[in-house]
Amino acid sequence: MNKLGLWIASLAILLGLASSTMFVVDQRQFGVVYQLGEIKSVVTEPGLNFKLPPPFQNVSYIDKRLLTLESTDTEPMLTAEKQRVVIDWFVRWRVSDASQYIRNVGLNERAGALQLNRVIRNSFQEEVNRRTVFQLLSSDRESLMADVKAQVLRAVNGAEKPWGMDVVDVRITRVDYAETITKSVYDRMEAERKRVANELRSTGAAEGERIRADADRQREVILAEAYRDAQTLKGKGDAEAAAAYAKSFGRDPAFAKFYRSLEAYKASFTSKNDIVVLDGDSDFLKGMKSGLVGPTK
């Protein structure tokens, strides 16, 4: 029984020792083998590999995939016309040489991101100082990103201590005024919009008054022309009526005199309460006296 337990313990020790000499490198990683604190070898291909058991040799892993570094610094930069702007950017980068990366940058991806962030920040500041806000927003945007990428590549691929990394792309996501002047910019924009709105309102009011004045003038002209035409037609009608009366009265003067008397009576006696004072010898009541005109009701 004791011998069986010894065999089992020995087998477990051997299995543990064997497992400590094997390691698997993923296709997304570099496997870095250290021997007494120094880099012994770097495994770049995925698969099962062997090393000496600890503490003689140890292994660590570094990501070989394409990584993204985004800006977190909100400190404004000065443009060529001394405007304070904030630029948001991101960089795509990867570790290309694990040995150089560990020796000159650090043991993990975070160390590379910190140093890369500093270099990119300085490069952006230098390039932004050469350009105006208009160039940053339009014409020179692409050239700005290309120049920053070129500066970063020169920094990370220096002849003395290359960083063992590759910068694939540099992109700007946002260019905006610093928060301290954003409000004043918005206030100026609002004031300009209000000025344009007031100008449009004034122009509209003036145009409305002009249209109303023109409409009133046309109304007066139309009414005057209508009154003129009406008076012309009325005059023609009166003339024709007078001609007809004259022609008719000319045929029978006695009837014409009698008709005029009737018209005069009708105009004079409009109410039962009317009182007419006449001379006794007046011809006005001759028609009534003759009996040709009956009493009015």
Protein backbone atom coordinates (compact mmCIF):
# COMPACT_ATOMS: atom_id res chain seq x y z
CA MET A 1 0.00 0.00 0.00
CA ASN A 2 2.83 2.38 0.85
CA LYS A 3 4.60 1.42 -2.36
CA LEU A 4 1.44 2.20 -4.42
CA GLY A 5 1.11 5.59 -2.80
CA LEU A 6 4.76 6.31 -3.53
CA TRP A 7 4.23 5.42 -7.18
CA ILE A 8 1.17 7.65 -7.42
CA ALA A 9 2.99 10.56 -5.79
CA SER A 10 6.00 10.10 -8.06
CA LEU A 11 3.72 9.99 -11.12
CA ALA A 12 1.97 13.19 -10.05
CA ILE A 13 5.31 14.91 -9.56
CA LEU A 14 6.48 13.79 -12.99
CA LEU A 15 3.23 14.97 -14.63
CA GLY A 16 3.50 18.36 -12.89
CA LEU A 17 7.12 18.66 -13.95
CA ALA A 18 6.25 17.72 -17.53
CA SER A 19 3.36 20.20 -17.67
CA SER A 20 5.63 22.99 -16.42
CA THR A 21 7.90 22.41 -19.41
CA MET A 22 5.09 22.77 -21.96
CA PHE A 23 3.23 25.87 -23.03
CA VAL A 24 0.80 26.70 -25.82
CA VAL A 25 1.08 29.84 -27.91
CA ASP A 26 -2.20 31.17 -29.29
CA GLN A 27 -2.36 32.52 -32.84
CA ARG A 28 -3.20 35.95 -31.40
CA GLN A 29 -0.09 36.11 -29.18
CA PHE A 30 3.67 36.14 -29.00
CA GLY A 31 5.16 33.69 -26.51
CA VAL A 32 8.23 35.17 -24.77
CA VAL A 33 10.49 32.71 -22.92
CA TYR A 34 12.60 34.20 -20.09
CA GLN A 35 15.66 32.53 -18.65
CA LEU A 36 16.76 33.99 -15.30
CA GLY A 37 15.06 37.30 -16.15
CA GLU A 38 16.45 37.63 -19.67
CA ILE A 39 14.69 36.95 -22.96
CA LYS A 40 15.71 33.50 -24.15
CA SER A 41 13.47 33.21 -27.20
CA VAL A 42 10.26 34.56 -28.78
CA VAL A 43 7.73 32.12 -30.24
CA THR A 44 5.79 33.72 -33.08
CA GLU A 45 3.99 30.66 -34.47
CA PRO A 46 0.99 29.10 -32.71
CA GLY A 47 1.24 25.58 -31.26
CA LEU A 48 2.70 23.49 -28.43
CA ASN A 49 6.21 24.42 -27.27
CA PHE A 50 8.67 23.28 -24.57
CA LYS A 51 10.91 25.06 -22.08
CA LEU A 52 12.78 24.34 -18.88
CA PRO A 53 10.68 24.19 -15.73
CA PRO A 54 10.53 27.18 -13.40
CA PRO A 55 12.53 28.85 -12.00
CA PHE A 56 14.96 28.19 -14.83
CA GLN A 57 12.63 29.43 -17.54
CA ASN A 58 9.30 31.24 -17.55
CA VAL A 59 6.94 32.34 -20.33
CA SER A 60 4.76 35.43 -20.82
CA TYR A 61 2.48 36.50 -23.63
CA ILE A 62 2.06 39.70 -25.63
CA ASP A 63 -0.91 40.42 -27.92
CA LYS A 64 0.04 40.50 -31.60
CA ARG A 65 -3.37 41.66 -32.85
CA LEU A 66 -4.19 45.11 -34.22
CA LEU A 67 -4.87 47.35 -31.21
CA THR A 68 -6.74 50.64 -30.93
CA LEU A 69 -5.56 53.61 -28.90
CA GLU A 70 -8.10 56.41 -28.43
CA SER A 71 -7.37 59.90 -27.14
CA THR A 72 -8.38 60.67 -23.57
CA ASP A 73 -6.67 64.04 -23.17
CA THR A 74 -9.03 67.03 -23.31
CA GLU A 75 -6.32 69.69 -23.07
CA PRO A 76 -6.76 72.15 -25.97
CA MET A 77 -4.16 72.80 -28.67
CA LEU A 78 -3.34 76.14 -30.30
CA THR A 79 -3.84 76.62 -34.04
CA ALA A 80 -1.87 78.94 -36.31
CA GLU A 81 -4.27 81.82 -35.51
CA LYS A 82 -4.02 81.06 -31.75
CA GLN A 83 -7.44 79.43 -31.50
CA ARG A 84 -7.82 76.80 -28.77
CA VAL A 85 -9.22 73.55 -30.18
CA VAL A 86 -9.74 70.06 -28.83
CA ILE A 87 -8.98 67.13 -31.13
CA ASP A 88 -10.22 63.57 -30.62
CA TRP A 89 -8.27 60.90 -32.45
CA PHE A 90 -7.57 57.17 -32.53
CA VAL A 91 -4.59 55.11 -33.65
CA ARG A 92 -4.41 51.52 -34.91
CA TRP A 93 -1.16 49.84 -33.91
CA ARG A 94 0.38 46.42 -33.24
CA VAL A 95 3.50 44.86 -31.72
CA SER A 96 5.74 43.75 -34.57
CA ASP A 97 8.91 42.66 -32.66
CA ALA A 98 8.29 41.33 -29.15
CA SER A 99 11.99 41.40 -28.13
CA GLN A 100 12.50 45.06 -29.07
CA TYR A 101 9.12 45.97 -27.57
CA ILE A 102 9.95 44.42 -24.18
CA ARG A 103 13.46 45.88 -24.07
CA ASN A 104 12.54 49.44 -25.13
CA VAL A 105 8.88 49.90 -24.19
CA GLY A 106 7.55 47.55 -21.53
CA LEU A 107 6.22 44.13 -20.62
CA ASN A 108 2.60 44.61 -21.73
CA GLU A 109 0.39 46.47 -24.16
CA ARG A 110 -0.50 49.18 -21.65
CA ALA A 111 3.12 50.36 -21.49
CA GLY A 112 3.19 50.78 -25.26
CA ALA A 113 -0.14 52.62 -25.28
CA LEU A 114 1.10 55.12 -22.67
CA GLN A 115 4.28 55.96 -24.57
CA LEU A 116 2.49 56.02 -27.92
CA ASN A 117 -0.13 58.40 -26.53
CA ARG A 118 2.59 60.85 -25.49
CA VAL A 119 4.27 60.78 -28.93
CA ILE A 120 0.99 61.19 -30.80
CA ARG A 121 -0.07 64.05 -28.55
CA ASN A 122 3.20 65.93 -29.25
CA SER A 123 2.94 65.23 -32.99
CA PHE A 124 -0.62 66.54 -33.16
CA GLN A 125 0.35 69.66 -31.22
CA GLU A 126 3.20 70.39 -33.64
CA GLU A 127 1.08 69.88 -36.75
CA VAL A 128 -1.94 71.78 -35.41
CA ASN A 129 0.28 74.79 -34.64
CA ARG A 130 1.00 75.05 -38.37
CA ARG A 131 -2.64 75.07 -39.51
CA THR A 132 -5.74 77.22 -39.17
CA VAL A 133 -9.11 76.02 -37.91
CA PHE A 134 -10.46 76.06 -41.48
CA GLN A 135 -7.62 73.80 -42.64
CA LEU A 136 -8.23 71.42 -39.75
CA LEU A 137 -11.88 71.12 -40.70
CA SER A 138 -11.51 70.83 -44.45
CA SER A 139 -8.57 71.10 -46.79
CA ASP A 140 -5.62 69.89 -44.67
CA ARG A 141 -7.36 67.24 -42.58
CA GLU A 142 -5.98 64.28 -44.55
CA SER A 143 -2.49 65.75 -44.80
CA LEU A 144 -2.53 66.45 -41.05
CA MET A 145 -3.22 62.79 -40.26
CA ALA A 146 -0.57 61.66 -42.74
CA ASP A 147 2.04 64.02 -41.23
CA VAL A 148 1.25 62.90 -37.68
CA LYS A 149 1.56 59.25 -38.72
CA ALA A 150 4.93 59.94 -40.36
CA GLN A 151 6.24 61.66 -37.21
CA VAL A 152 5.05 58.82 -34.99
CA LEU A 153 6.67 56.20 -37.22
CA ARG A 154 9.98 58.08 -37.10
CA ALA A 155 9.76 58.15 -33.31
CA VAL A 156 8.90 54.48 -32.79
CA ASN A 157 11.33 53.21 -35.44
CA GLY A 158 14.33 55.21 -34.23
CA ALA A 159 17.75 53.78 -35.13
CA GLU A 160 18.98 53.63 -31.53
CA LYS A 161 16.03 52.08 -29.71
CA PRO A 162 13.25 50.92 -32.00
CA TRP A 163 10.02 50.23 -30.18
CA GLY A 164 9.20 47.03 -32.03
CA MET A 165 5.74 48.25 -33.00
CA ASP A 166 3.98 49.30 -36.19
CA VAL A 167 1.53 52.22 -36.45
CA VAL A 168 -1.03 51.30 -39.10
CA ASP A 169 -3.33 54.31 -39.13
CA VAL A 170 -3.97 57.67 -37.46
CA ARG A 171 -7.46 59.18 -37.64
CA ILE A 172 -9.19 62.32 -36.35
CA THR A 173 -12.74 61.80 -35.07
CA ARG A 174 -13.58 65.32 -33.88
CA VAL A 175 -12.25 68.87 -34.02
CA ASP A 176 -14.01 71.36 -31.74
CA TYR A 177 -13.34 74.60 -29.95
CA ALA A 178 -12.19 74.41 -26.37
CA GLU A 179 -14.99 74.47 -23.81
CA THR A 180 -13.83 77.84 -22.49
CA ILE A 181 -14.61 79.57 -25.81
CA THR A 182 -17.40 77.32 -27.08
CA LYS A 183 -20.04 79.38 -25.28
CA SER A 184 -18.77 82.65 -26.75
CA VAL A 185 -18.72 81.07 -30.22
CA TYR A 186 -22.29 79.84 -29.80
CA ASP A 187 -23.33 83.27 -28.51
CA ARG A 188 -21.84 84.92 -31.59
CA MET A 189 -23.58 82.41 -33.82
CA GLU A 190 -26.89 83.00 -32.03
CA ALA A 191 -26.48 86.79 -32.31
CA GLU A 192 -25.74 86.46 -36.03
CA ARG A 193 -28.81 84.27 -36.56
CA LYS A 194 -30.96 86.76 -34.65
CA ARG A 195 -29.57 89.62 -36.76
CA VAL A 196 -30.42 87.77 -39.97
CA ALA A 197 -33.88 86.90 -38.60
CA ASN A 198 -34.58 90.52 -37.67
CA GLU A 199 -33.38 91.67 -41.06
CA LEU A 200 -35.70 89.19 -42.76
CA ARG A 201 -38.60 90.32 -40.55
CA SER A 202 -37.93 93.98 -41.39
CA THR A 203 -37.72 93.19 -45.09
CA GLY A 204 -40.94 91.20 -44.86
CA ALA A 205 -42.73 93.99 -42.99
CA ALA A 206 -41.61 96.57 -45.56
CA GLU A 207 -42.70 94.32 -48.41
CA GLY A 208 -46.05 93.78 -46.69
CA GLU A 209 -46.59 97.53 -46.34
CA ARG A 210 -45.69 98.04 -49.99
CA ILE A 211 -48.14 95.34 -51.08
CA ARG A 212 -50.92 96.78 -48.89
CA ALA A 213 -50.27 100.31 -50.17
CA ASP A 214 -50.34 99.08 -53.76
CA ALA A 215 -53.58 97.17 -53.08
CA ASP A 216 -55.16 100.29 -51.52
CA ARG A 217 -54.06 102.39 -54.50
CA GLN A 218 -55.50 99.88 -56.96
CA ARG A 219 -58.74 99.81 -54.93
CA GLU A 220 -59.07 103.58 -55.10
CA VAL A 221 -58.34 103.57 -58.81
CA ILE A 222 -60.89 100.82 -59.44
CA LEU A 223 -63.56 102.62 -57.38
CA ALA A 224 -62.86 105.93 -59.10
CA GLU A 225 -63.05 104.33 -62.54
CA ALA A 226 -66.23 102.51 -61.57
CA TYR A 227 -67.81 105.76 -60.29
CA ARG A 228 -66.74 107.56 -63.46
CA ASP A 229 -68.24 104.87 -65.65
CA ALA A 230 -71.42 104.84 -63.54
CA GLN A 231 -71.79 108.61 -63.82
CA THR A 232 -71.16 108.42 -67.54
CA LEU A 233 -73.84 105.76 -67.95
CA LYS A 234 -76.22 107.69 -65.69
CA GLY A 235 -75.66 110.86 -67.69
CA LYS A 236 -76.32 108.99 -70.92
CA GLY A 237 -79.46 107.51 -69.41
CA ASP A 238 -80.71 110.88 -68.17
CA ALA A 239 -80.01 112.41 -71.55
CA GLU A 240 -81.89 109.65 -73.33
CA ALA A 241 -84.76 109.90 -70.82
CA ALA A 242 -84.91 113.69 -71.25
CA ALA A 243 -84.93 113.28 -75.01
CA ALA A 244 -87.73 110.74 -74.76
CA TYR A 245 -89.72 113.04 -72.43
CA ALA A 246 -89.18 116.01 -74.72
CA LYS A 247 -90.28 114.05 -77.74
CA SER A 248 -93.37 112.74 -75.95
CA PHE A 249 -94.28 116.09 -74.36
CA GLY A 250 -93.80 117.84 -77.66
CA ARG A 251 -96.65 115.84 -79.17
CA ASP A 252 -99.16 116.95 -76.43
CA PRO A 253 -98.16 120.10 -74.45
CA ALA A 254 -101.31 120.00 -72.30
CA PHE A 255 -100.51 116.45 -71.19
CA ALA A 256 -96.94 117.47 -70.50
CA LYS A 257 -98.10 120.34 -68.30
CA PHE A 258 -100.53 118.04 -66.51
CA TYR A 259 -97.75 115.38 -65.96
CA ARG A 260 -95.40 117.98 -64.51
CA SER A 261 -98.15 119.08 -62.11
CA LEU A 262 -98.57 115.51 -60.93
CA GLU A 263 -94.84 115.21 -60.34
CA ALA A 264 -94.85 118.48 -58.41
CA TYR A 265 -97.79 117.36 -56.25
CA LYS A 266 -96.10 114.04 -55.57
CA ALA A 267 -92.92 115.78 -54.44
CA SER A 268 -94.80 118.33 -52.31
CA PHE A 269 -97.39 116.21 -50.53
CA THR A 270 -95.37 113.34 -49.08
CA SER A 271 -97.27 113.15 -45.76
CA LYS A 272 -100.71 113.86 -44.43
CA ASN A 273 -99.23 116.35 -41.99
CA ASP A 274 -97.52 118.44 -44.68
CA ILE A 275 -98.66 122.07 -44.86
CA VAL A 276 -98.16 124.12 -48.00
CA VAL A 277 -98.77 127.92 -47.92
CA LEU A 278 -99.49 129.35 -51.35
CA ASP A 279 -100.83 132.56 -52.84
CA GLY A 280 -104.47 132.29 -53.68
CA ASP A 281 -103.80 133.12 -57.32
CA SER A 282 -100.98 130.58 -57.65
CA ASP A 283 -101.05 128.26 -60.64
CA PHE A 284 -99.65 125.45 -58.47
CA LEU A 285 -103.13 124.15 -57.51
CA LYS A 286 -104.72 124.80 -60.85
CA GLY A 287 -104.72 121.14 -61.69
CA MET A 288 -106.65 120.32 -58.52
CA LYS A 289 -109.05 123.17 -59.00
CA SER A 290 -109.84 121.99 -62.46
CA GLY A 291 -110.92 118.64 -61.07
CA LEU A 292 -108.50 116.70 -63.16
CA VAL A 293 -106.66 115.49 -60.09
CA GLY A 294 -108.54 113.70 -57.36
CA PRO A 295 -107.82 113.94 -53.65
CA THR A 296 -104.87 111.94 -52.37
CA LYS A 297 -105.34 109.29 -49.73
